[in-house]
Amino acid sequence: MIPSTLEELGLSPNEAKVYEALVTYGGSGVSTISLRAKVNRSNAYETLYRLIEKGLVYEVFIEKETIYEAVDPDKLMELVTEKQTKLQAVLPKLHSLYHKHLTTERAYIFKGVEGVKNYLREALKVGEDIYSFAAKGAWFDPRLQPFTEGFLKEAKRRGYSHSRKDS
């Protein structure tokens, strides 16, 4: 679970495994890290250097060996915050470019869990009738439960109602 979350935050699979191994077991040499993280030794070197560049790992020079240690996990939140700040800086320009090409009427095809989330976001944004078909099963997908609960609360707060017409 931890490696997949770290990957969602932007670490490569090897970076996630190596960082988790260092947090779990503490500082180690490359051979030990590669065994614990289940990463090829030569890849472990490259991965450690990338983690050092990202500020997630540091080197400790001891007599005959270099030990690598993880930086406090709070650094991950700092990295996410930095990315968010960068995105906020360009978001107005992205919105401007996006809205230049909008048409008044359109049909969308949303696929998968993220597609359903986009569909629901669009429904809240538009605030008008939206017609859909072949979308019944998505409401029951457990991966969407937290999102749909939030959607329904927001729709209720805005005073939107829903109706269902099966034919």
C-alpha atoms as a PDB file:
ATOM      1  CA  MET A   1       0.000   0.000   0.000  1.00  0.00           C
ATOM      2  CA  ILE A   2       2.750   2.489   0.851  1.00  0.00           C
ATOM      3  CA  PRO A   3       4.647   2.048  -2.443  1.00  0.00           C
ATOM      4  CA  SER A   4       1.484   2.554  -4.514  1.00  0.00           C
ATOM      5  CA  THR A   5       0.654   5.738  -2.600  1.00  0.00           C
ATOM      6  CA  LEU A   6       4.199   7.001  -3.097  1.00  0.00           C
ATOM      7  CA  GLU A   7       3.890   6.243  -6.817  1.00  0.00           C
ATOM      8  CA  GLU A   8       0.656   8.260  -6.933  1.00  0.00           C
ATOM      9  CA  LEU A   9       2.662  11.137  -5.442  1.00  0.00           C
ATOM     10  CA  GLY A  10       5.104  10.951  -8.339  1.00  0.00           C
ATOM     11  CA  LEU A  11       7.830   8.527  -7.262  1.00  0.00           C
ATOM     12  CA  SER A  12       8.874   5.786  -9.649  1.00  0.00           C
ATOM     13  CA  PRO A  13       8.176   2.200  -8.517  1.00  0.00           C
ATOM     14  CA  ASN A  14      11.845   1.719  -7.554  1.00  0.00           C
ATOM     15  CA  GLU A  15      11.975   5.054  -5.729  1.00  0.00           C
ATOM     16  CA  ALA A  16       8.879   4.095  -3.748  1.00  0.00           C
ATOM     17  CA  LYS A  17      10.324   0.689  -2.790  1.00  0.00           C
ATOM     18  CA  VAL A  18      13.724   2.093  -1.812  1.00  0.00           C
ATOM     19  CA  TYR A  19      12.248   4.959   0.208  1.00  0.00           C
ATOM     20  CA  GLU A  20       9.891   2.584   2.018  1.00  0.00           C
ATOM     21  CA  ALA A  21      12.786   0.209   2.793  1.00  0.00           C
ATOM     22  CA  LEU A  22      14.829   3.069   4.248  1.00  0.00           C
ATOM     23  CA  VAL A  23      11.931   4.327   6.352  1.00  0.00           C
ATOM     24  CA  THR A  24      11.131   0.795   7.532  1.00  0.00           C
ATOM     25  CA  TYR A  25      14.632  -0.460   8.314  1.00  0.00           C
ATOM     26  CA  GLY A  26      16.701   2.695   8.713  1.00  0.00           C
ATOM     27  CA  GLY A  27      19.928   3.699   7.007  1.00  0.00           C
ATOM     28  CA  SER A  28      21.836   1.067   5.067  1.00  0.00           C
ATOM     29  CA  GLY A  29      24.399   0.483   2.386  1.00  0.00           C
ATOM     30  CA  VAL A  30      23.375  -0.078  -1.210  1.00  0.00           C
ATOM     31  CA  SER A  31      23.590  -3.892  -1.057  1.00  0.00           C
ATOM     32  CA  THR A  32      21.274  -4.085   1.934  1.00  0.00           C
ATOM     33  CA  ILE A  33      18.888  -1.528   0.452  1.00  0.00           C
ATOM     34  CA  SER A  34      18.656  -3.430  -2.832  1.00  0.00           C
ATOM     35  CA  LEU A  35      17.837  -6.667  -0.968  1.00  0.00           C
ATOM     36  CA  ARG A  36      15.245  -5.073   1.304  1.00  0.00           C
ATOM     37  CA  ALA A  37      13.616  -3.091  -1.494  1.00  0.00           C
ATOM     38  CA  LYS A  38      13.857  -5.986  -3.967  1.00  0.00           C
ATOM     39  CA  VAL A  39      15.567  -3.734  -6.496  1.00  0.00           C
ATOM     40  CA  ASN A  40      18.573  -4.704  -8.614  1.00  0.00           C
ATOM     41  CA  ARG A  41      21.779  -3.340  -7.042  1.00  0.00           C
ATOM     42  CA  SER A  42      22.747  -1.252 -10.066  1.00  0.00           C
ATOM     43  CA  ASN A  43      19.220   0.195 -10.190  1.00  0.00           C
ATOM     44  CA  ALA A  44      19.415   0.906  -6.465  1.00  0.00           C
ATOM     45  CA  TYR A  45      22.358   3.285  -7.027  1.00  0.00           C
ATOM     46  CA  GLU A  46      20.503   5.182  -9.723  1.00  0.00           C
ATOM     47  CA  THR A  47      17.337   5.245  -7.620  1.00  0.00           C
ATOM     48  CA  LEU A  48      19.173   6.554  -4.566  1.00  0.00           C
ATOM     49  CA  TYR A  49      20.687   9.392  -6.581  1.00  0.00           C
ATOM     50  CA  ARG A  50      17.242  10.389  -7.865  1.00  0.00           C
ATOM     51  CA  LEU A  51      15.874  10.299  -4.304  1.00  0.00           C
ATOM     52  CA  ILE A  52      18.803  12.465  -3.158  1.00  0.00           C
ATOM     53  CA  GLU A  53      17.960  14.979  -5.923  1.00  0.00           C
ATOM     54  CA  LYS A  54      14.352  15.033  -4.716  1.00  0.00           C
ATOM     55  CA  GLY A  55      15.526  15.634  -1.161  1.00  0.00           C
ATOM     56  CA  LEU A  56      14.103  12.366   0.183  1.00  0.00           C
ATOM     57  CA  VAL A  57      17.396  10.609   0.962  1.00  0.00           C
ATOM     58  CA  TYR A  58      20.780  11.743   2.184  1.00  0.00           C
ATOM     59  CA  GLU A  59      24.214  10.163   2.341  1.00  0.00           C
ATOM     60  CA  VAL A  60      26.183   9.470   5.508  1.00  0.00           C
ATOM     61  CA  PHE A  61      29.877   8.814   4.925  1.00  0.00           C
ATOM     62  CA  ILE A  62      31.251   6.252   7.353  1.00  0.00           C
ATOM     63  CA  GLU A  63      34.801   4.874   7.259  1.00  0.00           C
ATOM     64  CA  LYS A  64      34.555   2.337   4.429  1.00  0.00           C
ATOM     65  CA  GLU A  65      30.936   2.568   3.309  1.00  0.00           C
ATOM     66  CA  THR A  66      28.374   5.140   2.351  1.00  0.00           C
ATOM     67  CA  ILE A  67      25.101   4.762   4.207  1.00  0.00           C
ATOM     68  CA  TYR A  68      21.858   6.130   2.787  1.00  0.00           C
ATOM     69  CA  GLU A  69      19.086   7.331   5.084  1.00  0.00           C
ATOM     70  CA  ALA A  70      15.552   8.518   4.439  1.00  0.00           C
ATOM     71  CA  VAL A  71      14.627  12.098   5.160  1.00  0.00           C
ATOM     72  CA  ASP A  72      11.639  12.617   7.470  1.00  0.00           C
ATOM     73  CA  PRO A  73       8.424  11.614   5.620  1.00  0.00           C
ATOM     74  CA  ASP A  74       7.048  15.137   6.142  1.00  0.00           C
ATOM     75  CA  LYS A  75       9.267  16.038   3.187  1.00  0.00           C
ATOM     76  CA  LEU A  76       6.727  14.232   0.989  1.00  0.00           C
ATOM     77  CA  MET A  77       4.039  16.717   2.015  1.00  0.00           C
ATOM     78  CA  GLU A  78       6.447  19.546   1.255  1.00  0.00           C
ATOM     79  CA  LEU A  79       7.000  18.138  -2.250  1.00  0.00           C
ATOM     80  CA  VAL A  80       3.245  17.852  -2.827  1.00  0.00           C
ATOM     81  CA  THR A  81       2.733  21.416  -1.581  1.00  0.00           C
ATOM     82  CA  GLU A  82       5.466  22.683  -3.925  1.00  0.00           C
ATOM     83  CA  LYS A  83       3.779  20.930  -6.858  1.00  0.00           C
ATOM     84  CA  GLN A  84       0.429  22.404  -5.845  1.00  0.00           C
ATOM     85  CA  THR A  85       1.932  25.893  -5.682  1.00  0.00           C
ATOM     86  CA  LYS A  86       3.447  25.477  -9.147  1.00  0.00           C
ATOM     87  CA  LEU A  87       0.127  24.277 -10.523  1.00  0.00           C
ATOM     88  CA  GLN A  88      -1.752  27.193  -8.936  1.00  0.00           C
ATOM     89  CA  ALA A  89       0.654  29.582 -10.659  1.00  0.00           C
ATOM     90  CA  VAL A  90      -0.185  28.268 -14.149  1.00  0.00           C
ATOM     91  CA  LEU A  91      -3.845  27.386 -13.534  1.00  0.00           C
ATOM     92  CA  PRO A  92      -5.230  30.810 -14.552  1.00  0.00           C
ATOM     93  CA  LYS A  93      -3.439  30.563 -17.907  1.00  0.00           C
ATOM     94  CA  LEU A  94      -4.653  26.961 -18.385  1.00  0.00           C
ATOM     95  CA  HIS A  95      -8.239  28.049 -17.621  1.00  0.00           C
ATOM     96  CA  SER A  96      -7.933  30.904 -20.092  1.00  0.00           C
ATOM     97  CA  LEU A  97      -6.684  28.600 -22.842  1.00  0.00           C
ATOM     98  CA  TYR A  98      -9.282  25.944 -22.037  1.00  0.00           C
ATOM     99  CA  HIS A  99     -12.244  28.341 -22.120  1.00  0.00           C
ATOM    100  CA  LYS A 100     -11.223  29.796 -25.510  1.00  0.00           C
ATOM    101  CA  HIS A 101     -12.245  26.585 -27.241  1.00  0.00           C
ATOM    102  CA  LEU A 102     -15.432  25.588 -25.432  1.00  0.00           C
ATOM    103  CA  THR A 103     -18.562  25.025 -27.451  1.00  0.00           C
ATOM    104  CA  THR A 104     -22.050  25.467 -26.081  1.00  0.00           C
ATOM    105  CA  GLU A 105     -23.317  21.984 -26.914  1.00  0.00           C
ATOM    106  CA  ARG A 106     -21.312  18.834 -26.705  1.00  0.00           C
ATOM    107  CA  ALA A 107     -21.463  15.154 -26.003  1.00  0.00           C
ATOM    108  CA  TYR A 108     -18.920  13.530 -23.720  1.00  0.00           C
ATOM    109  CA  ILE A 109     -17.818   9.949 -23.324  1.00  0.00           C
ATOM    110  CA  PHE A 110     -16.509   9.285 -19.838  1.00  0.00           C
ATOM    111  CA  LYS A 111     -14.830   5.976 -19.092  1.00  0.00           C
ATOM    112  CA  GLY A 112     -13.609   4.342 -15.904  1.00  0.00           C
ATOM    113  CA  VAL A 113     -13.583   5.570 -12.332  1.00  0.00           C
ATOM    114  CA  GLU A 114     -11.855   8.863 -13.154  1.00  0.00           C
ATOM    115  CA  GLY A 115     -14.273   9.378 -16.045  1.00  0.00           C
ATOM    116  CA  VAL A 116     -17.230   9.048 -13.684  1.00  0.00           C
ATOM    117  CA  LYS A 117     -15.627  11.570 -11.333  1.00  0.00           C
ATOM    118  CA  ASN A 118     -15.172  13.985 -14.256  1.00  0.00           C
ATOM    119  CA  TYR A 119     -18.811  13.440 -15.256  1.00  0.00           C
ATOM    120  CA  LEU A 120     -20.011  14.277 -11.741  1.00  0.00           C
ATOM    121  CA  ARG A 121     -17.748  17.346 -11.502  1.00  0.00           C
ATOM    122  CA  GLU A 122     -19.158  18.532 -14.827  1.00  0.00           C
ATOM    123  CA  ALA A 123     -22.710  18.001 -13.555  1.00  0.00           C
ATOM    124  CA  LEU A 124     -22.018  20.253 -10.556  1.00  0.00           C
ATOM    125  CA  LYS A 125     -20.265  22.850 -12.679  1.00  0.00           C
ATOM    126  CA  VAL A 126     -23.001  23.076 -15.310  1.00  0.00           C
ATOM    127  CA  GLY A 127     -25.901  23.144 -12.862  1.00  0.00           C
ATOM    128  CA  GLU A 128     -28.377  22.250 -15.595  1.00  0.00           C
ATOM    129  CA  ASP A 129     -29.992  19.067 -16.801  1.00  0.00           C
ATOM    130  CA  ILE A 130     -27.538  16.438 -17.890  1.00  0.00           C
ATOM    131  CA  TYR A 131     -28.665  13.366 -19.763  1.00  0.00           C
ATOM    132  CA  SER A 132     -26.753  10.126 -19.580  1.00  0.00           C
ATOM    133  CA  PHE A 133     -27.169   6.516 -20.537  1.00  0.00           C
ATOM    134  CA  ALA A 134     -25.358   3.259 -19.786  1.00  0.00           C
ATOM    135  CA  ALA A 135     -23.936   4.675 -16.597  1.00  0.00           C
ATOM    136  CA  LYS A 136     -25.932   2.848 -13.951  1.00  0.00           C
ATOM    137  CA  GLY A 137     -23.282   0.500 -12.529  1.00  0.00           C
ATOM    138  CA  ALA A 138     -20.705   3.137 -11.722  1.00  0.00           C
ATOM    139  CA  TRP A 139     -22.630   4.480  -8.729  1.00  0.00           C
ATOM    140  CA  PHE A 140     -22.041   1.174  -6.961  1.00  0.00           C
ATOM    141  CA  ASP A 141     -18.301   0.922  -7.593  1.00  0.00           C
ATOM    142  CA  PRO A 142     -16.684   0.939  -4.105  1.00  0.00           C
ATOM    143  CA  ARG A 143     -13.767   3.041  -5.410  1.00  0.00           C
ATOM    144  CA  LEU A 144     -16.236   5.860  -6.039  1.00  0.00           C
ATOM    145  CA  GLN A 145     -18.050   5.765  -2.708  1.00  0.00           C
ATOM    146  CA  PRO A 146     -16.177   8.631  -0.975  1.00  0.00           C
ATOM    147  CA  PHE A 147     -16.397  10.755  -4.113  1.00  0.00           C
ATOM    148  CA  THR A 148     -20.116  10.124  -4.740  1.00  0.00           C
ATOM    149  CA  GLU A 149     -20.947  10.872  -1.103  1.00  0.00           C
ATOM    150  CA  GLY A 150     -19.222  14.241  -1.475  1.00  0.00           C
ATOM    151  CA  PHE A 151     -20.967  14.825  -4.805  1.00  0.00           C
ATOM    152  CA  LEU A 152     -24.415  14.126  -3.357  1.00  0.00           C
ATOM    153  CA  LYS A 153     -23.796  16.441  -0.388  1.00  0.00           C
ATOM    154  CA  GLU A 154     -22.634  19.241  -2.685  1.00  0.00           C
ATOM    155  CA  ALA A 155     -25.584  18.711  -5.060  1.00  0.00           C
ATOM    156  CA  LYS A 156     -27.995  18.872  -2.123  1.00  0.00           C
ATOM    157  CA  ARG A 157     -26.259  21.998  -0.787  1.00  0.00           C
ATOM    158  CA  ARG A 158     -26.737  23.656  -4.185  1.00  0.00           C
ATOM    159  CA  GLY A 159     -30.386  22.598  -4.296  1.00  0.00           C
ATOM    160  CA  TYR A 160     -30.065  20.250  -7.257  1.00  0.00           C
ATOM    161  CA  SER A 161     -32.484  17.375  -7.516  1.00  0.00           C
ATOM    162  CA  HIS A 162     -32.243  14.250  -9.569  1.00  0.00           C
ATOM    163  CA  SER A 163     -34.751  12.198 -11.460  1.00  0.00           C
ATOM    164  CA  ARG A 164     -34.420   8.868 -13.093  1.00  0.00           C
ATOM    165  CA  LYS A 165     -36.161   7.775 -16.230  1.00  0.00           C
ATOM    166  CA  ASP A 166     -35.735   4.209 -17.370  1.00  0.00           C
ATOM    167  CA  SER A 167     -37.051   3.262 -20.756  1.00  0.00           C
END
